[in-house]
Amino acid sequence: MESGPAIFAGVVFALFGGALLVWTVARVRHGEPVAHGVNPVASAALASLASVIALTLAAWCLTRV
């Protein structure tokens, strides 16, 4: 019963991090901006960092099960 919230949080972090990473890579490959009105390199780097952090949190949550 105690592992339920950890599994839920891990799955949510994994889905968010994975989707954000795929979306960022797709935007960069097509040469489109990741965020409008922001430096393209900075926005791609920040989005990539956020996705890696989310995936790391997912791994941490799922190892606590």
PDB file of N, CA and C in Angstrom:
ATOM      1  N   MET A   1       0.807  -1.197   0.000  1.00  0.00           N
ATOM      2  CA  MET A   1       0.000   0.000   0.000  1.00  0.00           C
ATOM      3  C   MET A   1       0.851   1.262   0.000  1.00  0.00           C
ATOM      4  N   GLU A   2       1.988   1.223   0.652  1.00  0.00           N
ATOM      5  CA  GLU A   2       2.826   2.415   0.717  1.00  0.00           C
ATOM      6  C   GLU A   2       3.548   2.677  -0.594  1.00  0.00           C
ATOM      7  N   SER A   3       3.653   1.679  -1.451  1.00  0.00           N
ATOM      8  CA  SER A   3       4.373   1.876  -2.710  1.00  0.00           C
ATOM      9  C   SER A   3       3.484   2.480  -3.796  1.00  0.00           C
ATOM     10  N   GLY A   4       2.186   2.541  -3.579  1.00  0.00           N
ATOM     11  CA  GLY A   4       1.265   3.089  -4.574  1.00  0.00           C
ATOM     12  C   GLY A   4       1.587   4.524  -4.969  1.00  0.00           C
ATOM     13  N   PRO A   5       1.735   5.446  -3.993  1.00  0.00           N
ATOM     14  CA  PRO A   5       2.072   6.820  -4.363  1.00  0.00           C
ATOM     15  C   PRO A   5       3.434   6.946  -5.049  1.00  0.00           C
ATOM     16  N   ALA A   6       4.392   6.127  -4.663  1.00  0.00           N
ATOM     17  CA  ALA A   6       5.714   6.181  -5.297  1.00  0.00           C
ATOM     18  C   ALA A   6       5.629   5.713  -6.742  1.00  0.00           C
ATOM     19  N   ILE A   7       4.838   4.689  -7.003  1.00  0.00           N
ATOM     20  CA  ILE A   7       4.663   4.208  -8.371  1.00  0.00           C
ATOM     21  C   ILE A   7       3.954   5.259  -9.208  1.00  0.00           C
ATOM     22  N   PHE A   8       2.899   5.847  -8.653  1.00  0.00           N
ATOM     23  CA  PHE A   8       2.155   6.882  -9.378  1.00  0.00           C
ATOM     24  C   PHE A   8       3.053   8.071  -9.700  1.00  0.00           C
ATOM     25  N   ALA A   9       3.792   8.560  -8.721  1.00  0.00           N
ATOM     26  CA  ALA A   9       4.670   9.712  -8.948  1.00  0.00           C
ATOM     27  C   ALA A   9       5.766   9.360  -9.953  1.00  0.00           C
ATOM     28  N   GLY A  10       6.328   8.170  -9.853  1.00  0.00           N
ATOM     29  CA  GLY A  10       7.364   7.753 -10.792  1.00  0.00           C
ATOM     30  C   GLY A  10       6.859   7.683 -12.219  1.00  0.00           C
ATOM     31  N   VAL A  11       5.656   7.166 -12.396  1.00  0.00           N
ATOM     32  CA  VAL A  11       5.082   7.070 -13.743  1.00  0.00           C
ATOM     33  C   VAL A  11       4.775   8.460 -14.290  1.00  0.00           C
ATOM     34  N   VAL A  12       4.249   9.344 -13.441  1.00  0.00           N
ATOM     35  CA  VAL A  12       3.943  10.705 -13.896  1.00  0.00           C
ATOM     36  C   VAL A  12       5.224  11.431 -14.295  1.00  0.00           C
ATOM     37  N   PHE A  13       6.255  11.345 -13.480  1.00  0.00           N
ATOM     38  CA  PHE A  13       7.529  11.976 -13.819  1.00  0.00           C
ATOM     39  C   PHE A  13       8.115  11.387 -15.100  1.00  0.00           C
ATOM     40  N   ALA A  14       8.014  10.065 -15.260  1.00  0.00           N
ATOM     41  CA  ALA A  14       8.566   9.420 -16.457  1.00  0.00           C
ATOM     42  C   ALA A  14       7.814   9.853 -17.713  1.00  0.00           C
ATOM     43  N   LEU A  15       6.494   9.908 -17.643  1.00  0.00           N
ATOM     44  CA  LEU A  15       5.717  10.335 -18.807  1.00  0.00           C
ATOM     45  C   LEU A  15       6.003  11.786 -19.166  1.00  0.00           C
ATOM     46  N   PHE A  16       6.040  12.642 -18.160  1.00  0.00           N
ATOM     47  CA  PHE A  16       6.310  14.054 -18.421  1.00  0.00           C
ATOM     48  C   PHE A  16       7.715  14.249 -18.974  1.00  0.00           C
ATOM     49  N   GLY A  17       8.707  13.659 -18.336  1.00  0.00           N
ATOM     50  CA  GLY A  17      10.089  13.818 -18.776  1.00  0.00           C
ATOM     51  C   GLY A  17      10.318  13.249 -20.161  1.00  0.00           C
ATOM     52  N   GLY A  18       9.752  12.080 -20.425  1.00  0.00           N
ATOM     53  CA  GLY A  18       9.912  11.476 -21.738  1.00  0.00           C
ATOM     54  C   GLY A  18       9.228  12.282 -22.835  1.00  0.00           C
ATOM     55  N   ALA A  19       8.011  12.737 -22.565  1.00  0.00           N
ATOM     56  CA  ALA A  19       7.285  13.527 -23.559  1.00  0.00           C
ATOM     57  C   ALA A  19       7.986  14.862 -23.819  1.00  0.00           C
ATOM     58  N   LEU A  20       8.466  15.501 -22.771  1.00  0.00           N
ATOM     59  CA  LEU A  20       9.160  16.769 -22.938  1.00  0.00           C
ATOM     60  C   LEU A  20      10.453  16.592 -23.724  1.00  0.00           C
ATOM     61  N   LEU A  21      11.161  15.526 -23.466  1.00  0.00           N
ATOM     62  CA  LEU A  21      12.405  15.265 -24.190  1.00  0.00           C
ATOM     63  C   LEU A  21      12.128  14.981 -25.668  1.00  0.00           C
ATOM     64  N   VAL A  22      11.134  14.169 -25.957  1.00  0.00           N
ATOM     65  CA  VAL A  22      10.793  13.863 -27.345  1.00  0.00           C
ATOM     66  C   VAL A  22      10.343  15.126 -28.067  1.00  0.00           C
ATOM     67  N   TRP A  23       9.508  15.936 -27.418  1.00  0.00           N
ATOM     68  CA  TRP A  23       9.014  17.170 -28.032  1.00  0.00           C
ATOM     69  C   TRP A  23      10.159  18.147 -28.291  1.00  0.00           C
ATOM     70  N   THR A  24      11.069  18.273 -27.338  1.00  0.00           N
ATOM     71  CA  THR A  24      12.208  19.188 -27.503  1.00  0.00           C
ATOM     72  C   THR A  24      13.103  18.746 -28.653  1.00  0.00           C
ATOM     73  N   VAL A  25      13.397  17.461 -28.724  1.00  0.00           N
ATOM     74  CA  VAL A  25      14.244  16.944 -29.803  1.00  0.00           C
ATOM     75  C   VAL A  25      13.563  17.153 -31.158  1.00  0.00           C
ATOM     76  N   ALA A  26      12.264  16.917 -31.225  1.00  0.00           N
ATOM     77  CA  ALA A  26      11.544  17.102 -32.489  1.00  0.00           C
ATOM     78  C   ALA A  26      11.566  18.567 -32.925  1.00  0.00           C
ATOM     79  N   ARG A  27      11.381  19.485 -31.990  1.00  0.00           N
ATOM     80  CA  ARG A  27      11.399  20.911 -32.342  1.00  0.00           C
ATOM     81  C   ARG A  27      12.788  21.350 -32.804  1.00  0.00           C
ATOM     82  N   VAL A  28      13.821  20.876 -32.121  1.00  0.00           N
ATOM     83  CA  VAL A  28      15.191  21.263 -32.479  1.00  0.00           C
ATOM     84  C   VAL A  28      15.561  20.686 -33.843  1.00  0.00           C
ATOM     85  N   ARG A  29      15.187  19.442 -34.115  1.00  0.00           N
ATOM     86  CA  ARG A  29      15.519  18.822 -35.407  1.00  0.00           C
ATOM     87  C   ARG A  29      14.841  19.527 -36.572  1.00  0.00           C
ATOM     88  N   HIS A  30      13.647  20.055 -36.344  1.00  0.00           N
ATOM     89  CA  HIS A  30      12.940  20.763 -37.409  1.00  0.00           C
ATOM     90  C   HIS A  30      13.354  22.233 -37.496  1.00  0.00           C
ATOM     91  N   GLY A  31      14.205  22.665 -36.605  1.00  0.00           N
ATOM     92  CA  GLY A  31      14.668  24.039 -36.607  1.00  0.00           C
ATOM     93  C   GLY A  31      13.636  25.030 -36.102  1.00  0.00           C
ATOM     94  N   GLU A  32      12.658  24.551 -35.380  1.00  0.00           N
ATOM     95  CA  GLU A  32      11.608  25.404 -34.831  1.00  0.00           C
ATOM     96  C   GLU A  32      11.963  25.791 -33.400  1.00  0.00           C
ATOM     97  N   PRO A  33      11.456  26.918 -32.942  1.00  0.00           N
ATOM     98  CA  PRO A  33      11.788  27.331 -31.573  1.00  0.00           C
ATOM     99  C   PRO A  33      11.097  26.448 -30.530  1.00  0.00           C
ATOM    100  N   VAL A  34      11.780  26.224 -29.451  1.00  0.00           N
ATOM    101  CA  VAL A  34      11.197  25.457 -28.351  1.00  0.00           C
ATOM    102  C   VAL A  34      10.258  26.349 -27.551  1.00  0.00           C
ATOM    103  N   ALA A  35      10.620  27.608 -27.394  1.00  0.00           N
ATOM    104  CA  ALA A  35       9.766  28.590 -26.720  1.00  0.00           C
ATOM    105  C   ALA A  35       9.837  29.887 -27.520  1.00  0.00           C
ATOM    106  N   HIS A  36       8.705  30.515 -27.729  1.00  0.00           N
ATOM    107  CA  HIS A  36       8.659  31.744 -28.515  1.00  0.00           C
ATOM    108  C   HIS A  36       9.185  32.922 -27.711  1.00  0.00           C
ATOM    109  N   GLY A  37       9.993  33.749 -28.355  1.00  0.00           N
ATOM    110  CA  GLY A  37      10.496  34.953 -27.720  1.00  0.00           C
ATOM    111  C   GLY A  37      11.689  34.734 -26.809  1.00  0.00           C
ATOM    112  N   VAL A  38      12.304  33.570 -26.889  1.00  0.00           N
ATOM    113  CA  VAL A  38      13.442  33.246 -26.026  1.00  0.00           C
ATOM    114  C   VAL A  38      14.577  32.774 -26.929  1.00  0.00           C
ATOM    115  N   ASN A  39      15.798  32.935 -26.463  1.00  0.00           N
ATOM    116  CA  ASN A  39      16.957  32.439 -27.193  1.00  0.00           C
ATOM    117  C   ASN A  39      16.765  30.943 -27.474  1.00  0.00           C
ATOM    118  N   PRO A  40      16.865  30.506 -28.739  1.00  0.00           N
ATOM    119  CA  PRO A  40      16.618  29.098 -29.072  1.00  0.00           C
ATOM    120  C   PRO A  40      17.535  28.117 -28.351  1.00  0.00           C
ATOM    121  N   VAL A  41      18.784  28.479 -28.194  1.00  0.00           N
ATOM    122  CA  VAL A  41      19.719  27.575 -27.513  1.00  0.00           C
ATOM    123  C   VAL A  41      19.383  27.474 -26.028  1.00  0.00           C
ATOM    124  N   ALA A  42      19.080  28.608 -25.424  1.00  0.00           N
ATOM    125  CA  ALA A  42      18.756  28.608 -23.995  1.00  0.00           C
ATOM    126  C   ALA A  42      17.460  27.847 -23.717  1.00  0.00           C
ATOM    127  N   SER A  43      16.455  28.036 -24.572  1.00  0.00           N
ATOM    128  CA  SER A  43      15.187  27.347 -24.335  1.00  0.00           C
ATOM    129  C   SER A  43      15.322  25.842 -24.547  1.00  0.00           C
ATOM    130  N   ALA A  44      16.099  25.430 -25.543  1.00  0.00           N
ATOM    131  CA  ALA A  44      16.318  23.998 -25.763  1.00  0.00           C
ATOM    132  C   ALA A  44      17.107  23.390 -24.609  1.00  0.00           C
ATOM    133  N   ALA A  45      18.095  24.115 -24.120  1.00  0.00           N
ATOM    134  CA  ALA A  45      18.896  23.610 -23.003  1.00  0.00           C
ATOM    135  C   ALA A  45      18.060  23.509 -21.730  1.00  0.00           C
ATOM    136  N   LEU A  46      17.235  24.511 -21.471  1.00  0.00           N
ATOM    137  CA  LEU A  46      16.408  24.493 -20.268  1.00  0.00           C
ATOM    138  C   LEU A  46      15.355  23.390 -20.335  1.00  0.00           C
ATOM    139  N   ALA A  47      14.739  23.202 -21.488  1.00  0.00           N
ATOM    140  CA  ALA A  47      13.747  22.138 -21.642  1.00  0.00           C
ATOM    141  C   ALA A  47      14.404  20.766 -21.509  1.00  0.00           C
ATOM    142  N   SER A  48      15.595  20.614 -22.065  1.00  0.00           N
ATOM    143  CA  SER A  48      16.312  19.346 -21.932  1.00  0.00           C
ATOM    144  C   SER A  48      16.687  19.070 -20.486  1.00  0.00           C
ATOM    145  N   LEU A  49      17.130  20.113 -19.797  1.00  0.00           N
ATOM    146  CA  LEU A  49      17.480  19.958 -18.381  1.00  0.00           C
ATOM    147  C   LEU A  49      16.258  19.568 -17.555  1.00  0.00           C
ATOM    148  N   ALA A  50      15.129  20.202 -17.825  1.00  0.00           N
ATOM    149  CA  ALA A  50      13.901  19.878 -17.096  1.00  0.00           C
ATOM    150  C   ALA A  50      13.469  18.435 -17.354  1.00  0.00           C
ATOM    151  N   SER A  51      13.623  17.967 -18.581  1.00  0.00           N
ATOM    152  CA  SER A  51      13.233  16.589 -18.877  1.00  0.00           C
ATOM    153  C   SER A  51      14.172  15.589 -18.222  1.00  0.00           C
ATOM    154  N   VAL A  52      15.453  15.892 -18.191  1.00  0.00           N
ATOM    155  CA  VAL A  52      16.406  14.989 -17.529  1.00  0.00           C
ATOM    156  C   VAL A  52      16.150  14.953 -16.023  1.00  0.00           C
ATOM    157  N   ILE A  53      15.824  16.093 -15.435  1.00  0.00           N
ATOM    158  CA  ILE A  53      15.501  16.129 -14.003  1.00  0.00           C
ATOM    159  C   ILE A  53      14.252  15.305 -13.726  1.00  0.00           C
ATOM    160  N   ALA A  54      13.223  15.440 -14.578  1.00  0.00           N
ATOM    161  CA  ALA A  54      11.996  14.670 -14.385  1.00  0.00           C
ATOM    162  C   ALA A  54      12.264  13.172 -14.523  1.00  0.00           C
ATOM    163  N   LEU A  55      13.078  12.784 -15.487  1.00  0.00           N
ATOM    164  CA  LEU A  55      13.401  11.362 -15.643  1.00  0.00           C
ATOM    165  C   LEU A  55      14.232  10.842 -14.475  1.00  0.00           C
ATOM    166  N   THR A  56      15.107  11.672 -13.936  1.00  0.00           N
ATOM    167  CA  THR A  56      15.882  11.279 -12.757  1.00  0.00           C
ATOM    168  C   THR A  56      14.974  11.101 -11.549  1.00  0.00           C
ATOM    169  N   LEU A  57      14.025  12.018 -11.373  1.00  0.00           N
ATOM    170  CA  LEU A  57      13.059  11.879 -10.286  1.00  0.00           C
ATOM    171  C   LEU A  57      12.203  10.629 -10.459  1.00  0.00           C
ATOM    172  N   ALA A  58      11.849  10.305 -11.692  1.00  0.00           N
ATOM    173  CA  ALA A  58      11.080   9.087 -11.950  1.00  0.00           C
ATOM    174  C   ALA A  58      11.871   7.852 -11.533  1.00  0.00           C
ATOM    175  N   ALA A  59      13.130   7.827 -11.907  1.00  0.00           N
ATOM    176  CA  ALA A  59      13.973   6.685 -11.535  1.00  0.00           C
ATOM    177  C   ALA A  59      14.117   6.594 -10.025  1.00  0.00           C
ATOM    178  N   TRP A  60      14.270   7.739  -9.373  1.00  0.00           N
ATOM    179  CA  TRP A  60      14.408   7.734  -7.918  1.00  0.00           C
ATOM    180  C   TRP A  60      13.132   7.238  -7.255  1.00  0.00           C
ATOM    181  N   CYS A  61      11.989   7.718  -7.723  1.00  0.00           N
ATOM    182  CA  CYS A  61      10.703   7.273  -7.147  1.00  0.00           C
ATOM    183  C   CYS A  61      10.490   5.782  -7.346  1.00  0.00           C
ATOM    184  N   LEU A  62      10.827   5.304  -8.525  1.00  0.00           N
ATOM    185  CA  LEU A  62      10.587   3.889  -8.805  1.00  0.00           C
ATOM    186  C   LEU A  62      11.577   2.969  -8.107  1.00  0.00           C
ATOM    187  N   THR A  63      12.726   3.487  -7.691  1.00  0.00           N
ATOM    188  CA  THR A  63      13.644   2.646  -6.919  1.00  0.00           C
ATOM    189  C   THR A  63      13.243   2.583  -5.448  1.00  0.00           C
ATOM    190  N   ARG A  64      12.355   3.460  -5.022  1.00  0.00           N
ATOM    191  CA  ARG A  64      11.883   3.466  -3.622  1.00  0.00           C
ATOM    192  C   ARG A  64      10.735   2.496  -3.385  1.00  0.00           C
ATOM    193  N   VAL A  65      10.297   1.816  -4.445  1.00  0.00           N
ATOM    194  CA  VAL A  65       9.148   0.913  -4.342  1.00  0.00           C
ATOM    195  C   VAL A  65       9.530  -0.304  -3.538  1.00  0.00           C
TER     196      VAL A  65
END
